[in-house]
C-alpha atoms as a PDB file:
ATOM      1  CA  UNK A   1     156.828 -37.600 -39.216  1.00  0.00           C
ATOM      2  CA  UNK A   2     157.295 -34.496 -37.065  1.00  0.00           C
ATOM      3  CA  UNK A   3     155.104 -36.026 -34.372  1.00  0.00           C
ATOM      4  CA  UNK A   4     157.166 -39.232 -34.411  1.00  0.00           C
ATOM      5  CA  UNK A   5     160.373 -37.216 -34.197  1.00  0.00           C
ATOM      6  CA  UNK A   6     159.037 -35.259 -31.223  1.00  0.00           C
ATOM      7  CA  UNK A   7     158.106 -38.486 -29.433  1.00  0.00           C
ATOM      8  CA  UNK A   8     161.561 -39.961 -30.094  1.00  0.00           C
ATOM      9  CA  UNK A   9     163.297 -36.810 -28.829  1.00  0.00           C
ATOM     10  CA  UNK A  10     161.176 -36.765 -25.681  1.00  0.00           C
ATOM     11  CA  UNK A  11     161.882 -40.463 -25.111  1.00  0.00           C
ATOM     12  CA  UNK A  12     165.614 -39.970 -25.654  1.00  0.00           C
ATOM     13  CA  UNK A  13     165.599 -36.999 -23.277  1.00  0.00           C
ATOM     14  CA  UNK A  14     163.856 -39.088 -20.631  1.00  0.00           C
ATOM     15  CA  UNK A  15     166.480 -41.814 -20.965  1.00  0.00           C
ATOM     16  CA  UNK A  16     169.302 -39.250 -20.627  1.00  0.00           C
ATOM     17  CA  UNK A  17     167.727 -37.781 -17.504  1.00  0.00           C
ATOM     18  CA  UNK A  18     167.297 -41.273 -16.082  1.00  0.00           C
ATOM     19  CA  UNK A  19     170.951 -42.099 -16.749  1.00  0.00           C
ATOM     20  CA  UNK A  20     172.041 -38.860 -15.104  1.00  0.00           C
ATOM     21  CA  UNK A  21     169.917 -39.375 -11.993  1.00  0.00           C
ATOM     22  CA  UNK A  22     171.847 -39.548  -8.718  1.00  0.00           C
ATOM     23  CA  UNK A  23     170.843 -42.545  -6.621  1.00  0.00           C
ATOM     24  CA  UNK A  24     172.066 -43.757  -3.233  1.00  0.00           C
ATOM     25  CA  UNK A  25     171.645 -46.717  -0.928  1.00  0.00           C
ATOM     26  CA  UNK A  26     172.942 -47.245   2.624  1.00  0.00           C
ATOM     27  CA  UNK A  27     175.722 -49.729   3.329  1.00  0.00           C
ATOM     28  CA  UNK A  28     176.656 -51.647   6.451  1.00  0.00           C
ATOM     29  CA  UNK A  29     180.332 -51.476   7.474  1.00  0.00           C
ATOM     30  CA  UNK A  30     180.857 -55.108   6.412  1.00  0.00           C
ATOM     31  CA  UNK A  31     179.579 -54.249   2.925  1.00  0.00           C
ATOM     32  CA  UNK A  32     182.483 -51.883   2.269  1.00  0.00           C
ATOM     33  CA  UNK A  33     184.864 -53.644  -0.154  1.00  0.00           C
ATOM     34  CA  UNK A  34     188.124 -54.905   1.342  1.00  0.00           C
ATOM     35  CA  UNK A  35     190.052 -52.834  -1.211  1.00  0.00           C
ATOM     36  CA  UNK A  36     188.568 -49.622   0.246  1.00  0.00           C
ATOM     37  CA  UNK A  37     191.056 -49.027   3.062  1.00  0.00           C
ATOM     38  CA  UNK A  38     190.190 -46.764   5.982  1.00  0.00           C
ATOM     39  CA  UNK A  39     191.074 -45.776   9.544  1.00  0.00           C
ATOM     40  CA  UNK A  40     188.666 -45.649  12.481  1.00  0.00           C
ATOM     41  CA  UNK A  41     185.125 -46.912  13.041  1.00  0.00           C
ATOM     42  CA  UNK A  42     182.567 -46.432  10.273  1.00  0.00           C
ATOM     43  CA  UNK A  43     179.891 -43.876  11.173  1.00  0.00           C
ATOM     44  CA  UNK A  44     177.869 -43.907   7.951  1.00  0.00           C
ATOM     45  CA  UNK A  45     178.409 -45.502   4.544  1.00  0.00           C
ATOM     46  CA  UNK A  46     176.642 -45.066   1.212  1.00  0.00           C
ATOM     47  CA  UNK A  47     176.847 -46.420  -2.293  1.00  0.00           C
ATOM     48  CA  UNK A  48     175.968 -43.831  -4.916  1.00  0.00           C
ATOM     49  CA  UNK A  49     175.635 -43.767  -8.668  1.00  0.00           C
ATOM     50  CA  UNK A  50     175.694 -40.685 -10.862  1.00  0.00           C
ATOM     51  CA  UNK A  51     176.531 -39.773 -14.438  1.00  0.00           C
ATOM     52  CA  UNK A  52     180.231 -40.478 -13.840  1.00  0.00           C
ATOM     53  CA  UNK A  53     179.931 -43.943 -12.296  1.00  0.00           C
ATOM     54  CA  UNK A  54     179.360 -45.860  -9.062  1.00  0.00           C
ATOM     55  CA  UNK A  55     181.058 -44.954  -5.781  1.00  0.00           C
ATOM     56  CA  UNK A  56     181.385 -45.970  -2.140  1.00  0.00           C
ATOM     57  CA  UNK A  57     181.577 -43.033   0.276  1.00  0.00           C
ATOM     58  CA  UNK A  58     181.719 -43.175   4.063  1.00  0.00           C
ATOM     59  CA  UNK A  59     182.789 -41.411   7.256  1.00  0.00           C
ATOM     60  CA  UNK A  60     184.807 -42.784  10.175  1.00  0.00           C
ATOM     61  CA  UNK A  61     185.879 -41.656  13.646  1.00  0.00           C
ATOM     62  CA  UNK A  62     188.671 -42.957  15.873  1.00  0.00           C
ATOM     63  CA  UNK A  63     187.058 -41.818  19.109  1.00  0.00           C
ATOM     64  CA  UNK A  64     189.221 -40.515  21.937  1.00  0.00           C
ATOM     65  CA  UNK A  65     192.566 -42.281  22.295  1.00  0.00           C
ATOM     66  CA  UNK A  66     195.738 -41.800  24.334  1.00  0.00           C
ATOM     67  CA  UNK A  67     198.182 -39.151  23.174  1.00  0.00           C
ATOM     68  CA  UNK A  68     201.952 -39.481  22.897  1.00  0.00           C
ATOM     69  CA  UNK A  69     202.523 -37.990  26.326  1.00  0.00           C
ATOM     70  CA  UNK A  70     200.983 -38.903  29.676  1.00  0.00           C
ATOM     71  CA  UNK A  71     197.572 -37.359  30.383  1.00  0.00           C
ATOM     72  CA  UNK A  72     197.251 -36.259  26.752  1.00  0.00           C
ATOM     73  CA  UNK A  73     194.422 -37.403  24.486  1.00  0.00           C
ATOM     74  CA  UNK A  74     193.648 -37.213  20.803  1.00  0.00           C
ATOM     75  CA  UNK A  75     190.848 -37.896  18.313  1.00  0.00           C
ATOM     76  CA  UNK A  76     190.541 -37.982  14.532  1.00  0.00           C
ATOM     77  CA  UNK A  77     187.911 -38.295  11.833  1.00  0.00           C
ATOM     78  CA  UNK A  78     187.995 -39.245   8.164  1.00  0.00           C
ATOM     79  CA  UNK A  79     185.776 -39.320   5.089  1.00  0.00           C
ATOM     80  CA  UNK A  80     186.486 -41.400   1.996  1.00  0.00           C
ATOM     81  CA  UNK A  81     185.237 -41.771  -1.548  1.00  0.00           C
ATOM     82  CA  UNK A  82     186.172 -44.731  -3.749  1.00  0.00           C
ATOM     83  CA  UNK A  83     185.084 -45.368  -7.322  1.00  0.00           C
ATOM     84  CA  UNK A  84     183.802 -48.907  -7.824  1.00  0.00           C
ATOM     85  CA  UNK A  85     184.783 -51.008 -10.822  1.00  0.00           C
ATOM     86  CA  UNK A  86     183.624 -54.571 -10.294  1.00  0.00           C
ATOM     87  CA  UNK A  87     185.508 -55.889  -7.247  1.00  0.00           C
ATOM     88  CA  UNK A  88     188.125 -53.146  -7.482  1.00  0.00           C
ATOM     89  CA  UNK A  89     187.990 -49.681  -5.913  1.00  0.00           C
ATOM     90  CA  UNK A  90     190.009 -46.567  -6.735  1.00  0.00           C
ATOM     91  CA  UNK A  91     190.445 -43.733  -4.241  1.00  0.00           C
ATOM     92  CA  UNK A  92     188.893 -40.456  -5.416  1.00  0.00           C
ATOM     93  CA  UNK A  93     189.355 -38.264  -2.335  1.00  0.00           C
ATOM     94  CA  UNK A  94     189.897 -38.358   1.413  1.00  0.00           C
ATOM     95  CA  UNK A  95     189.157 -35.908   4.237  1.00  0.00           C
ATOM     96  CA  UNK A  96     191.107 -36.017   7.492  1.00  0.00           C
ATOM     97  CA  UNK A  97     190.963 -33.800  10.564  1.00  0.00           C
ATOM     98  CA  UNK A  98     192.180 -34.342  14.100  1.00  0.00           C
ATOM     99  CA  UNK A  99     193.036 -32.979  17.525  1.00  0.00           C
ATOM    100  CA  UNK A 100     196.384 -34.055  18.994  1.00  0.00           C
ATOM    101  CA  UNK A 101     197.899 -33.893  22.490  1.00  0.00           C
ATOM    102  CA  UNK A 102     194.942 -32.348  24.306  1.00  0.00           C
ATOM    103  CA  UNK A 103     195.066 -32.250  28.139  1.00  0.00           C
ATOM    104  CA  UNK A 104     191.372 -31.303  28.508  1.00  0.00           C
ATOM    105  CA  UNK A 105     188.148 -32.222  26.662  1.00  0.00           C
ATOM    106  CA  UNK A 106     188.862 -33.446  23.137  1.00  0.00           C
ATOM    107  CA  UNK A 107     186.401 -33.837  20.289  1.00  0.00           C
ATOM    108  CA  UNK A 108     186.446 -34.850  16.617  1.00  0.00           C
ATOM    109  CA  UNK A 109     182.959 -35.869  15.483  1.00  0.00           C
ATOM    110  CA  UNK A 110     180.673 -35.639  12.470  1.00  0.00           C
ATOM    111  CA  UNK A 111     177.376 -33.866  13.079  1.00  0.00           C
ATOM    112  CA  UNK A 112     174.636 -36.537  13.017  1.00  0.00           C
ATOM    113  CA  UNK A 113     172.532 -36.422   9.859  1.00  0.00           C
ATOM    114  CA  UNK A 114     174.892 -34.106   7.986  1.00  0.00           C
ATOM    115  CA  UNK A 115     176.536 -36.741   5.773  1.00  0.00           C
ATOM    116  CA  UNK A 116     174.295 -36.775   2.728  1.00  0.00           C
ATOM    117  CA  UNK A 117     174.194 -36.748  -1.069  1.00  0.00           C
ATOM    118  CA  UNK A 118     172.345 -34.293  -3.319  1.00  0.00           C
ATOM    119  CA  UNK A 119     172.204 -33.111  -6.922  1.00  0.00           C
ATOM    120  CA  UNK A 120     170.946 -29.601  -6.341  1.00  0.00           C
ATOM    121  CA  UNK A 121     172.126 -28.198  -9.671  1.00  0.00           C
ATOM    122  CA  UNK A 122     170.659 -31.168 -11.599  1.00  0.00           C
ATOM    123  CA  UNK A 123     173.833 -31.831 -13.575  1.00  0.00           C
ATOM    124  CA  UNK A 124     173.905 -35.565 -12.837  1.00  0.00           C
ATOM    125  CA  UNK A 125     177.028 -35.318 -10.644  1.00  0.00           C
ATOM    126  CA  UNK A 126     176.534 -35.974  -6.932  1.00  0.00           C
ATOM    127  CA  UNK A 127     177.273 -33.430  -4.241  1.00  0.00           C
ATOM    128  CA  UNK A 128     178.576 -35.205  -1.119  1.00  0.00           C
ATOM    129  CA  UNK A 129     178.133 -33.221   2.106  1.00  0.00           C
ATOM    130  CA  UNK A 130     179.574 -33.554   5.601  1.00  0.00           C
ATOM    131  CA  UNK A 131     179.707 -31.303   8.650  1.00  0.00           C
ATOM    132  CA  UNK A 132     181.959 -31.896  11.637  1.00  0.00           C
ATOM    133  CA  UNK A 133     183.263 -30.321  14.830  1.00  0.00           C
ATOM    134  CA  UNK A 134     186.643 -30.487  16.546  1.00  0.00           C
ATOM    135  CA  UNK A 135     187.716 -29.093  19.898  1.00  0.00           C
ATOM    136  CA  UNK A 136     190.310 -29.115  22.669  1.00  0.00           C
ATOM    137  CA  UNK A 137     188.870 -27.045  25.485  1.00  0.00           C
ATOM    138  CA  UNK A 138     188.434 -26.910  29.226  1.00  0.00           C
ATOM    139  CA  UNK A 139     185.876 -24.111  29.359  1.00  0.00           C
ATOM    140  CA  UNK A 140     182.671 -22.906  27.697  1.00  0.00           C
ATOM    141  CA  UNK A 141     183.907 -21.891  24.277  1.00  0.00           C
ATOM    142  CA  UNK A 142     182.985 -22.559  20.634  1.00  0.00           C
ATOM    143  CA  UNK A 143     184.088 -25.670  18.776  1.00  0.00           C
ATOM    144  CA  UNK A 144     185.769 -25.441  15.409  1.00  0.00           C
ATOM    145  CA  UNK A 145     183.196 -26.401  12.767  1.00  0.00           C
ATOM    146  CA  UNK A 146     183.787 -27.254   9.105  1.00  0.00           C
ATOM    147  CA  UNK A 147     181.403 -28.026   6.272  1.00  0.00           C
ATOM    148  CA  UNK A 148     182.923 -29.948   3.379  1.00  0.00           C
ATOM    149  CA  UNK A 149     181.236 -30.690   0.050  1.00  0.00           C
ATOM    150  CA  UNK A 150     182.678 -32.648  -2.851  1.00  0.00           C
ATOM    151  CA  UNK A 151     181.293 -32.571  -6.354  1.00  0.00           C
ATOM    152  CA  UNK A 152     183.337 -35.054  -8.342  1.00  0.00           C
ATOM    153  CA  UNK A 153     186.866 -34.549  -7.036  1.00  0.00           C
ATOM    154  CA  UNK A 154     186.352 -30.807  -6.433  1.00  0.00           C
ATOM    155  CA  UNK A 155     186.453 -29.823  -2.754  1.00  0.00           C
ATOM    156  CA  UNK A 156     184.358 -26.967  -1.315  1.00  0.00           C
ATOM    157  CA  UNK A 157     184.748 -25.803   2.296  1.00  0.00           C
ATOM    158  CA  UNK A 158     183.141 -23.540   4.896  1.00  0.00           C
ATOM    159  CA  UNK A 159     185.191 -23.002   8.047  1.00  0.00           C
ATOM    160  CA  UNK A 160     184.198 -21.323  11.290  1.00  0.00           C
ATOM    161  CA  UNK A 161     182.940 -22.056  14.804  1.00  0.00           C
ATOM    162  CA  UNK A 162     179.850 -23.142  16.635  1.00  0.00           C
ATOM    163  CA  UNK A 163     177.738 -20.589  18.488  1.00  0.00           C
ATOM    164  CA  UNK A 164     177.877 -20.749  22.292  1.00  0.00           C
ATOM    165  CA  UNK A 165     175.724 -18.954  24.853  1.00  0.00           C
ATOM    166  CA  UNK A 166     178.362 -17.776  27.340  1.00  0.00           C
ATOM    167  CA  UNK A 167     175.823 -15.913  29.483  1.00  0.00           C
ATOM    168  CA  UNK A 168     172.147 -14.971  29.286  1.00  0.00           C
ATOM    169  CA  UNK A 169     171.486 -13.964  25.638  1.00  0.00           C
ATOM    170  CA  UNK A 170     175.196 -13.348  25.125  1.00  0.00           C
ATOM    171  CA  UNK A 171     176.685 -15.531  22.400  1.00  0.00           C
ATOM    172  CA  UNK A 172     180.181 -16.204  21.172  1.00  0.00           C
ATOM    173  CA  UNK A 173     181.208 -17.647  17.809  1.00  0.00           C
ATOM    174  CA  UNK A 174     178.950 -18.807  14.988  1.00  0.00           C
ATOM    175  CA  UNK A 175     180.770 -17.121  12.101  1.00  0.00           C
ATOM    176  CA  UNK A 176     182.134 -18.807   8.981  1.00  0.00           C
ATOM    177  CA  UNK A 177     184.131 -18.217   5.813  1.00  0.00           C
ATOM    178  CA  UNK A 178     183.408 -19.800   2.432  1.00  0.00           C
ATOM    179  CA  UNK A 179     186.363 -20.761   0.267  1.00  0.00           C
ATOM    180  CA  UNK A 180     186.662 -19.684  -3.374  1.00  0.00           C
ATOM    181  CA  UNK A 181     185.196 -22.957  -4.644  1.00  0.00           C
ATOM    182  CA  UNK A 182     181.968 -22.335  -2.720  1.00  0.00           C
ATOM    183  CA  UNK A 183     181.857 -18.750  -3.943  1.00  0.00           C
ATOM    184  CA  UNK A 184     181.613 -20.022  -7.531  1.00  0.00           C
ATOM    185  CA  UNK A 185     178.801 -22.588  -7.144  1.00  0.00           C
ATOM    186  CA  UNK A 186     175.208 -22.036  -8.212  1.00  0.00           C
ATOM    187  CA  UNK A 187     173.023 -20.148  -5.694  1.00  0.00           C
ATOM    188  CA  UNK A 188     170.952 -23.236  -4.869  1.00  0.00           C
ATOM    189  CA  UNK A 189     174.067 -25.051  -3.622  1.00  0.00           C
ATOM    190  CA  UNK A 190     175.298 -22.069  -1.638  1.00  0.00           C
ATOM    191  CA  UNK A 191     171.858 -21.656  -0.049  1.00  0.00           C
ATOM    192  CA  UNK A 192     171.847 -25.313   0.987  1.00  0.00           C
ATOM    193  CA  UNK A 193     175.301 -24.933   2.538  1.00  0.00           C
ATOM    194  CA  UNK A 194     174.293 -21.882   4.588  1.00  0.00           C
ATOM    195  CA  UNK A 195     171.064 -23.559   5.729  1.00  0.00           C
ATOM    196  CA  UNK A 196     172.949 -26.698   6.829  1.00  0.00           C
ATOM    197  CA  UNK A 197     175.443 -24.555   8.728  1.00  0.00           C
ATOM    198  CA  UNK A 198     172.757 -22.465  10.457  1.00  0.00           C
ATOM    199  CA  UNK A 199     170.770 -25.558  11.400  1.00  0.00           C
ATOM    200  CA  UNK A 200     173.734 -26.953  13.350  1.00  0.00           C
ATOM    201  CA  UNK A 201     175.679 -23.876  14.444  1.00  0.00           C
ATOM    202  CA  UNK A 202     174.315 -23.689  18.002  1.00  0.00           C
ATOM    203  CA  UNK A 203     176.556 -25.629  20.380  1.00  0.00           C
ATOM    204  CA  UNK A 204     174.930 -28.740  21.842  1.00  0.00           C
ATOM    205  CA  UNK A 205     176.457 -29.926  25.088  1.00  0.00           C
ATOM    206  CA  UNK A 206     176.656 -33.664  25.718  1.00  0.00           C
END
């Protein structure tokens, strides 16, 4: 009887772990439901399932467009998360950042490969990551860089700048600050955040 009970408990535990597993699959822009409204051009889109349900999450960029005044330019980026319920979607969160009225080089772009989903703390709730850079500059100077992570509807943020070599072995920028939400996460999540930041902190010129 004890052996049977042990087998049943192990089987039940396996089912619970399977239900809590975070899974993702890529989506094409035309596979995003019409009820999931957004601005800009889709950069990357994913469907994910975790212990709390099924979601559509994606990033968009507007590219560089004309500003309100002559010779001014602007750019914006967005990230969205919608919960899926049949053919209906419900907004969970949205990220928006932008540069307005810039007379020089303007930038608002996600770092390629940074938009991803993890479950580093193994709690069955997805962590959605994105890293992006914004700038309005006419010289060699660091971009603003931000790392955003959502777990459920809880936002976590690291804010700082890229690292620029202004002269031989002389660098400027590269520092960051973690918000209180990031300070409270498990070490494995914080370590991932720092590693993602350090991997992309050096300024890459196009």
